[in-house]
Amino acid sequence: MLQVPTPPAFAWAYNNSLSPYPYDPAKAKSLLKKLVTNAKLTFYVTQGGSGMLDPVAMGTAIQADLSAVGFDVEIKTFEWNTFLEK
């Protein structure tokens, strides 16, 4: 799991003075309740051609993490060319 905005492999952008946030879904859910009135997201996921090996599985994992903290997440899949047209 990535705990910093940029991993050390990208030395030109890595900042080792940043502290990682702890994984705390309960705190995230609490903060969202205070700050967000409508936590609905739609992910547009391509089914190939974008360079990702398994974009639907990745989108599903993101959906599960965001659902755990109170987001209503919808995934819409498109073929690569259709995605580019949108």
C-alpha atoms as a PDB file:
ATOM      1  CA  MET A   1       0.000   0.000   0.000  1.00  0.00           C
ATOM      2  CA  LEU A   2       1.306   3.420  -0.924  1.00  0.00           C
ATOM      3  CA  GLN A   3       1.480   5.707   2.096  1.00  0.00           C
ATOM      4  CA  VAL A   4       3.011   8.805   0.506  1.00  0.00           C
ATOM      5  CA  PRO A   5       1.967  10.884  -2.514  1.00  0.00           C
ATOM      6  CA  THR A   6       5.078   9.867  -4.460  1.00  0.00           C
ATOM      7  CA  PRO A   7       7.095   6.676  -3.852  1.00  0.00           C
ATOM      8  CA  PRO A   8      10.881   6.832  -3.284  1.00  0.00           C
ATOM      9  CA  ALA A   9      11.492   5.344  -6.744  1.00  0.00           C
ATOM     10  CA  PHE A  10      10.566   8.762  -8.165  1.00  0.00           C
ATOM     11  CA  ALA A  11      13.461  10.534  -6.429  1.00  0.00           C
ATOM     12  CA  TRP A  12      12.913  13.813  -8.291  1.00  0.00           C
ATOM     13  CA  ALA A  13       9.446  14.158  -6.698  1.00  0.00           C
ATOM     14  CA  TYR A  14       9.847  12.193  -3.455  1.00  0.00           C
ATOM     15  CA  ASN A  15       9.815  14.122  -0.176  1.00  0.00           C
ATOM     16  CA  ASN A  16      10.943  12.056   2.814  1.00  0.00           C
ATOM     17  CA  SER A  17       9.843  14.754   5.279  1.00  0.00           C
ATOM     18  CA  LEU A  18       6.172  13.916   4.661  1.00  0.00           C
ATOM     19  CA  SER A  19       4.558  11.638   7.214  1.00  0.00           C
ATOM     20  CA  PRO A  20       2.088   9.026   5.972  1.00  0.00           C
ATOM     21  CA  TYR A  21      -1.518   9.154   7.091  1.00  0.00           C
ATOM     22  CA  PRO A  22      -2.552   6.036   9.008  1.00  0.00           C
ATOM     23  CA  TYR A  23      -5.201   3.811   7.442  1.00  0.00           C
ATOM     24  CA  ASP A  24      -8.275   4.800   9.441  1.00  0.00           C
ATOM     25  CA  PRO A  25     -11.624   4.248   7.661  1.00  0.00           C
ATOM     26  CA  ALA A  26     -13.595   5.244  10.782  1.00  0.00           C
ATOM     27  CA  LYS A  27     -11.879   8.641  10.925  1.00  0.00           C
ATOM     28  CA  ALA A  28     -12.373   9.124   7.184  1.00  0.00           C
ATOM     29  CA  LYS A  29     -16.071   8.342   7.531  1.00  0.00           C
ATOM     30  CA  SER A  30     -16.379  10.811  10.424  1.00  0.00           C
ATOM     31  CA  LEU A  31     -14.632  13.589   8.476  1.00  0.00           C
ATOM     32  CA  LEU A  32     -16.768  12.967   5.394  1.00  0.00           C
ATOM     33  CA  LYS A  33     -19.968  13.237   7.430  1.00  0.00           C
ATOM     34  CA  LYS A  34     -18.855  16.672   8.621  1.00  0.00           C
ATOM     35  CA  LEU A  35     -17.660  17.963   5.247  1.00  0.00           C
ATOM     36  CA  VAL A  36     -19.640  16.295   2.463  1.00  0.00           C
ATOM     37  CA  THR A  37     -23.381  16.366   1.903  1.00  0.00           C
ATOM     38  CA  ASN A  38     -23.482  14.099  -1.151  1.00  0.00           C
ATOM     39  CA  ALA A  39     -20.662  11.586  -1.395  1.00  0.00           C
ATOM     40  CA  LYS A  40     -21.566  10.121  -4.796  1.00  0.00           C
ATOM     41  CA  LEU A  41     -18.828   9.310  -7.282  1.00  0.00           C
ATOM     42  CA  THR A  42     -18.861   7.755 -10.716  1.00  0.00           C
ATOM     43  CA  PHE A  43     -15.724   6.022 -11.960  1.00  0.00           C
ATOM     44  CA  TYR A  44     -15.317   5.738 -15.692  1.00  0.00           C
ATOM     45  CA  VAL A  45     -13.161   2.676 -16.296  1.00  0.00           C
ATOM     46  CA  THR A  46     -11.863   1.536 -19.657  1.00  0.00           C
ATOM     47  CA  GLN A  47     -11.805  -2.154 -20.536  1.00  0.00           C
ATOM     48  CA  GLY A  48      -8.384  -2.044 -22.134  1.00  0.00           C
ATOM     49  CA  GLY A  49      -6.129   0.087 -24.264  1.00  0.00           C
ATOM     50  CA  SER A  50      -5.231   2.476 -21.477  1.00  0.00           C
ATOM     51  CA  GLY A  51      -2.128   0.583 -20.349  1.00  0.00           C
ATOM     52  CA  MET A  52      -3.711  -0.758 -17.161  1.00  0.00           C
ATOM     53  CA  LEU A  53      -3.580  -4.533 -16.859  1.00  0.00           C
ATOM     54  CA  ASP A  54      -6.922  -5.046 -15.128  1.00  0.00           C
ATOM     55  CA  PRO A  55      -8.772  -1.730 -14.840  1.00  0.00           C
ATOM     56  CA  VAL A  56     -12.151  -3.180 -13.830  1.00  0.00           C
ATOM     57  CA  ALA A  57     -10.634  -5.075 -10.887  1.00  0.00           C
ATOM     58  CA  MET A  58      -8.720  -1.958  -9.864  1.00  0.00           C
ATOM     59  CA  GLY A  59     -11.887   0.146 -10.081  1.00  0.00           C
ATOM     60  CA  THR A  60     -13.746  -2.434  -8.003  1.00  0.00           C
ATOM     61  CA  ALA A  61     -11.049  -2.313  -5.307  1.00  0.00           C
ATOM     62  CA  ILE A  62     -11.250   1.493  -5.226  1.00  0.00           C
ATOM     63  CA  GLN A  63     -15.043   1.242  -5.073  1.00  0.00           C
ATOM     64  CA  ALA A  64     -14.837  -1.076  -2.035  1.00  0.00           C
ATOM     65  CA  ASP A  65     -12.430   1.226  -0.179  1.00  0.00           C
ATOM     66  CA  LEU A  66     -14.539   4.316  -0.830  1.00  0.00           C
ATOM     67  CA  SER A  67     -17.786   2.511   0.003  1.00  0.00           C
ATOM     68  CA  ALA A  68     -16.282   1.558   3.379  1.00  0.00           C
ATOM     69  CA  VAL A  69     -16.048   5.243   4.306  1.00  0.00           C
ATOM     70  CA  GLY A  70     -19.479   6.266   3.054  1.00  0.00           C
ATOM     71  CA  PHE A  71     -19.189   7.013  -0.659  1.00  0.00           C
ATOM     72  CA  ASP A  72     -21.806   5.758  -3.092  1.00  0.00           C
ATOM     73  CA  VAL A  73     -19.568   4.696  -5.982  1.00  0.00           C
ATOM     74  CA  GLU A  74     -20.754   3.661  -9.427  1.00  0.00           C
ATOM     75  CA  ILE A  75     -18.411   2.133 -11.976  1.00  0.00           C
ATOM     76  CA  LYS A  76     -19.137   2.608 -15.667  1.00  0.00           C
ATOM     77  CA  THR A  77     -17.045   0.678 -18.155  1.00  0.00           C
ATOM     78  CA  PHE A  78     -16.294   1.660 -21.721  1.00  0.00           C
ATOM     79  CA  GLU A  79     -14.208   0.308 -24.550  1.00  0.00           C
ATOM     80  CA  TRP A  80     -11.100   2.479 -24.958  1.00  0.00           C
ATOM     81  CA  ASN A  81     -12.276   4.322 -28.109  1.00  0.00           C
ATOM     82  CA  THR A  82     -15.706   5.020 -26.611  1.00  0.00           C
ATOM     83  CA  PHE A  83     -14.005   6.339 -23.477  1.00  0.00           C
ATOM     84  CA  LEU A  84     -11.899   8.725 -25.576  1.00  0.00           C
ATOM     85  CA  GLU A  85     -15.020  10.055 -27.301  1.00  0.00           C
ATOM     86  CA  LYS A  86     -16.622  10.922 -23.953  1.00  0.00           C
END
